Protein backbone atom coordinates (compact mmCIF):
# COMPACT_ATOMS: atom_id res chain seq x y z
CA MET A 1 96.73 37.23 110.63
CA THR A 2 96.99 36.13 107.01
CA THR A 3 99.41 33.46 106.13
CA VAL A 4 101.33 33.82 102.96
CA PRO A 5 102.16 30.08 101.52
CA SER A 6 105.45 29.70 100.82
CA LYS A 7 106.82 28.99 97.53
CA THR A 8 108.11 25.86 96.68
CA PRO A 9 111.87 26.04 95.78
CA PRO A 10 112.68 24.84 92.06
CA PRO A 11 114.42 21.42 92.00
CA ALA A 12 117.96 21.57 92.04
CA VAL A 13 119.48 21.40 88.93
CA VAL A 14 122.14 18.91 89.03
CA PRO A 15 124.59 17.56 86.12
CA ARG A 16 124.79 13.94 85.45
CA GLU A 17 126.05 11.61 82.90
CA MET A 18 123.95 11.64 79.30
CA ARG A 19 122.63 8.42 78.13
CA TRP A 20 120.65 7.47 75.06
CA TRP A 21 117.18 8.20 76.34
CA ASP A 22 118.19 12.04 76.63
CA ILE A 23 118.95 12.42 73.01
CA ASP A 24 115.55 13.53 72.30
CA ALA A 25 115.65 16.15 74.65
CA VAL A 26 119.42 17.33 73.86
CA LEU A 27 118.29 17.70 70.17
CA ALA A 28 115.19 19.93 70.76
CA LEU A 29 117.33 22.19 72.97
CA GLU A 30 120.21 21.90 70.23
CA LYS A 31 118.02 22.61 67.69
CA GLU A 32 116.30 26.00 69.71
CA LEU A 33 120.01 27.07 70.30
CA PHE A 34 121.98 26.39 67.59
CA PRO A 35 119.35 26.52 64.55
CA ASP A 36 121.87 27.07 61.73
CA ASP A 37 124.36 24.26 62.60
CA ALA A 38 122.72 21.64 65.30
CA TRP A 39 124.01 18.24 65.74
CA SER A 40 122.49 15.55 64.08
CA ARG A 41 120.91 12.77 66.24
CA GLY A 42 123.82 10.34 64.40
CA MET A 43 126.60 12.58 65.35
CA PHE A 44 125.03 12.51 69.48
CA TRP A 45 125.06 8.65 69.10
CA SER A 46 128.38 8.40 67.67
CA GLU A 47 129.65 10.38 70.55
CA LEU A 48 127.57 8.51 73.19
CA ALA A 49 129.16 5.40 71.68
CA HIS A 50 133.00 6.16 72.85
CA ALA A 51 131.76 7.54 76.14
CA ARG A 52 131.65 4.18 78.01
CA GLY A 53 133.56 1.31 78.51
CA PRO A 54 137.14 0.36 78.44
CA GLY A 55 139.02 2.95 76.22
CA SER A 56 136.40 5.63 76.08
CA THR A 57 136.85 8.90 75.07
CA ARG A 58 134.09 11.04 75.60
CA ARG A 59 132.00 12.19 78.71
CA TYR A 60 128.87 13.95 78.07
CA LEU A 61 126.42 15.54 80.86
CA VAL A 62 122.90 16.77 81.05
CA ALA A 63 121.41 18.85 83.87
CA TYR A 64 117.41 18.63 84.26
CA GLU A 65 115.03 20.87 86.31
CA GLY A 66 112.29 18.40 87.22
CA GLU A 67 111.68 16.83 83.92
CA ARG A 68 112.56 19.44 81.78
CA LEU A 69 116.48 19.60 80.11
CA VAL A 70 118.27 22.66 81.14
CA GLY A 71 121.57 22.36 79.80
CA TYR A 72 124.23 19.80 78.61
CA GLY A 73 127.91 19.35 77.76
CA GLY A 74 130.67 17.26 76.20
CA LEU A 75 134.19 16.45 76.45
CA ALA A 76 136.21 14.54 74.13
CA VAL A 77 139.61 13.09 74.78
CA ALA A 78 142.62 12.01 72.22
CA GLY A 79 146.50 10.89 72.42
CA THR A 80 148.28 8.64 75.01
CA ASP A 81 151.22 8.79 77.66
CA SER A 82 154.76 7.37 76.97
CA ASP A 83 152.97 3.67 78.53
CA GLY A 84 150.01 3.99 75.83
CA GLY A 85 147.67 4.96 78.60
CA ALA A 86 146.16 8.42 79.83
CA ALA A 87 144.79 11.02 77.62
CA VAL A 88 147.18 14.26 76.95
CA ALA A 89 144.75 16.45 75.32
CA ALA A 90 140.98 17.14 75.76
CA ASP A 91 138.53 19.32 74.20
CA VAL A 92 135.50 20.94 75.30
CA GLN A 93 133.12 19.84 72.36
CA THR A 94 130.09 21.60 73.67
CA ILE A 95 128.13 23.41 76.31
CA ALA A 96 124.58 24.68 75.73
CA VAL A 97 122.01 26.00 78.53
CA ALA A 98 118.77 27.04 78.01
CA ARG A 99 117.97 31.00 77.48
CA ASP A 100 116.22 31.10 80.84
CA HIS A 101 118.78 29.61 82.67
CA TRP A 102 121.39 31.84 81.40
CA GLY A 103 123.25 33.66 84.52
CA SER A 104 122.18 31.09 86.66
CA GLY A 105 125.84 29.59 87.02
CA LEU A 106 124.64 26.59 85.25
CA GLY A 107 127.26 26.83 82.33
CA ALA A 108 130.29 27.11 85.19
CA ARG A 109 128.87 23.99 86.67
CA LEU A 110 128.74 22.01 83.37
CA LEU A 111 132.59 23.14 82.70
CA THR A 112 133.70 22.59 86.07
CA GLU A 113 132.56 18.83 85.80
CA LEU A 114 133.88 18.74 82.31
CA LEU A 115 136.97 19.53 83.74
CA ARG A 116 136.71 16.92 86.72
CA HIS A 117 136.26 14.17 83.62
CA ALA A 118 139.56 15.71 82.24
CA THR A 119 141.20 15.45 85.07
CA ALA A 120 139.91 11.54 85.37
CA PHE A 121 141.22 10.96 81.61
CA GLU A 122 144.48 12.35 82.77
CA ALA A 123 144.39 15.14 80.48
CA THR A 124 147.48 17.58 80.54
CA GLU A 125 145.56 20.48 78.59
CA VAL A 126 141.96 21.37 77.59
CA MET A 127 141.19 23.21 74.68
CA LEU A 128 138.14 25.07 73.51
CA GLU A 129 137.06 27.99 71.01
CA VAL A 130 134.92 30.95 71.41
CA ARG A 131 133.49 33.67 69.39
CA VAL A 132 136.02 36.78 69.01
CA ASP A 133 133.15 38.95 70.08
CA ASN A 134 132.13 37.11 73.23
CA THR A 135 133.82 39.01 76.01
CA ARG A 136 131.49 37.45 78.91
CA ALA A 137 132.69 33.79 78.00
CA GLN A 138 136.15 34.85 77.51
CA LYS A 139 136.18 35.96 80.97
CA LEU A 140 134.49 32.91 82.58
CA TYR A 141 137.20 30.87 81.07
CA GLN A 142 139.78 33.12 82.42
CA ARG A 143 138.37 32.33 85.59
CA PHE A 144 139.03 29.05 85.33
CA GLY A 145 142.56 29.42 83.92
CA PHE A 146 142.02 29.56 80.19
CA GLU A 147 144.48 31.36 77.92
CA PRO A 148 144.13 32.62 74.22
CA ILE A 149 146.66 30.85 71.88
CA GLY A 150 145.43 31.66 68.29
CA PHE A 151 142.40 31.98 66.16
CA ARG A 152 140.30 30.09 63.70
CA ARG A 153 139.34 32.59 60.86
CA GLY A 154 135.84 32.71 59.87
CA TYR A 155 134.74 29.60 62.15
CA TYR A 156 131.60 30.72 63.23
CA GLN A 157 129.04 30.55 60.33
CA PRO A 158 126.74 32.54 59.40
CA GLY A 159 128.37 35.70 59.73
CA ASN A 160 131.78 34.57 58.99
CA VAL A 161 132.85 35.37 62.83
CA ASP A 162 136.55 34.26 63.92
CA ALA A 163 136.84 31.84 67.03
CA LEU A 164 139.55 32.34 69.45
CA VAL A 165 141.17 29.09 70.94
CA MET A 166 142.08 29.11 74.36
CA ARG A 167 144.16 26.38 76.57
CA LEU A 168 143.83 25.31 79.76
CA SER A 169 147.29 23.91 81.08
CA ASP A 170 146.41 22.41 84.35
CA PRO A 171 142.43 20.99 84.12
CA SER A 172 142.92 19.47 87.71
CA ALA A 173 143.55 22.75 89.53
CA ALA A 174 140.72 24.67 87.47
CA ALA A 175 138.43 21.61 88.46
CA ASP A 176 138.75 22.58 92.04
CA CYS A 177 137.65 26.16 91.47
CA SER A 178 133.89 26.53 91.81
CA ALA A 179 133.66 30.06 89.88
CA HIS A 180 131.14 30.80 92.02
CA GLY A 181 129.20 33.80 90.66
CA ALA A 182 130.43 33.64 87.34
CA PRO A 183 128.15 34.38 84.23
CA ASP A 184 127.80 31.82 82.04
CA PRO A 185 128.91 31.70 78.52
CA ALA A 186 126.90 33.18 75.55
CA ALA A 187 128.15 32.08 72.67
CA GLU A 188 127.83 29.55 70.08
CA GLY A 189 130.26 26.96 68.29
CA SER A 190 129.95 25.68 64.23
CA ALA A 191 131.84 23.06 62.40
CA ASP A 192 135.45 23.10 62.67
CA GLY A 193 137.01 25.06 60.33
CA PRO A 194 140.86 26.30 59.00
CA THR A 195 143.35 26.55 61.55
CA ASP A 196 145.70 29.95 62.15
CA GLY A 197 148.55 30.38 65.04
CA GLN A 198 149.04 27.95 67.28
CA ALA A 199 145.57 26.34 67.22
CA PRO A 200 145.15 22.81 67.03
CA GLY A 201 142.91 20.54 64.67
CA PRO A 202 139.60 19.22 65.76
CA LEU A 203 139.97 15.75 67.81
CA ASN A 204 137.13 14.31 65.77
CA GLY A 205 134.71 15.12 62.88
CA VAL A 206 131.84 16.64 64.56
CA GLN A 207 131.69 20.42 65.40
CA GLY A 208 133.81 22.07 67.87
CA THR A 209 132.99 23.76 71.27
CA GLU A 210 129.64 25.62 70.88
CA ILE A 211 128.76 27.64 73.75
CA HIS A 212 125.44 29.31 74.70
CA GLY A 213 124.02 30.51 78.03
């Protein structure tokens, strides 16, 4: 009787905090997924500079499969409550997943972790942008409770594609929903653009939500 050797399962992909030594790997995946408007090294350094210590306003995550980076995401917060403490608004700055991990649920896991951080910041709402023609990503966000509130005209370049702005009013409840089996987002973002309707301005000077995978 021939014994068929069992295949070694791939290492678990678990998001963790992004640190400065992850920047090279993040930049490589960033340039692969967003060649037309990839963030620079300086932009990532600037974001991470606000991700630790008292008064931090950023949370960035990375996900590795073994030693290979397969995804990352980031969240920014702004505003204070009546006591000058908790953040009241959060913005999903970026979510990216390697192409061979699209549909694996990694995008949903990254989003779940970002929403948990938004809850820790005591954010009362979370915003993001998504291409108007990316219904797949929109369905994922809707599963988390995001609702459309406006548009940004010509937000995605090249192509002059409008962005649908979506808002989540209860991030703590959404963070408890794992969205098992949900497809990963497959849209990409770009620099901040003009605002229409109820869409807010960007929280900082870097590009808004970029989502791919």
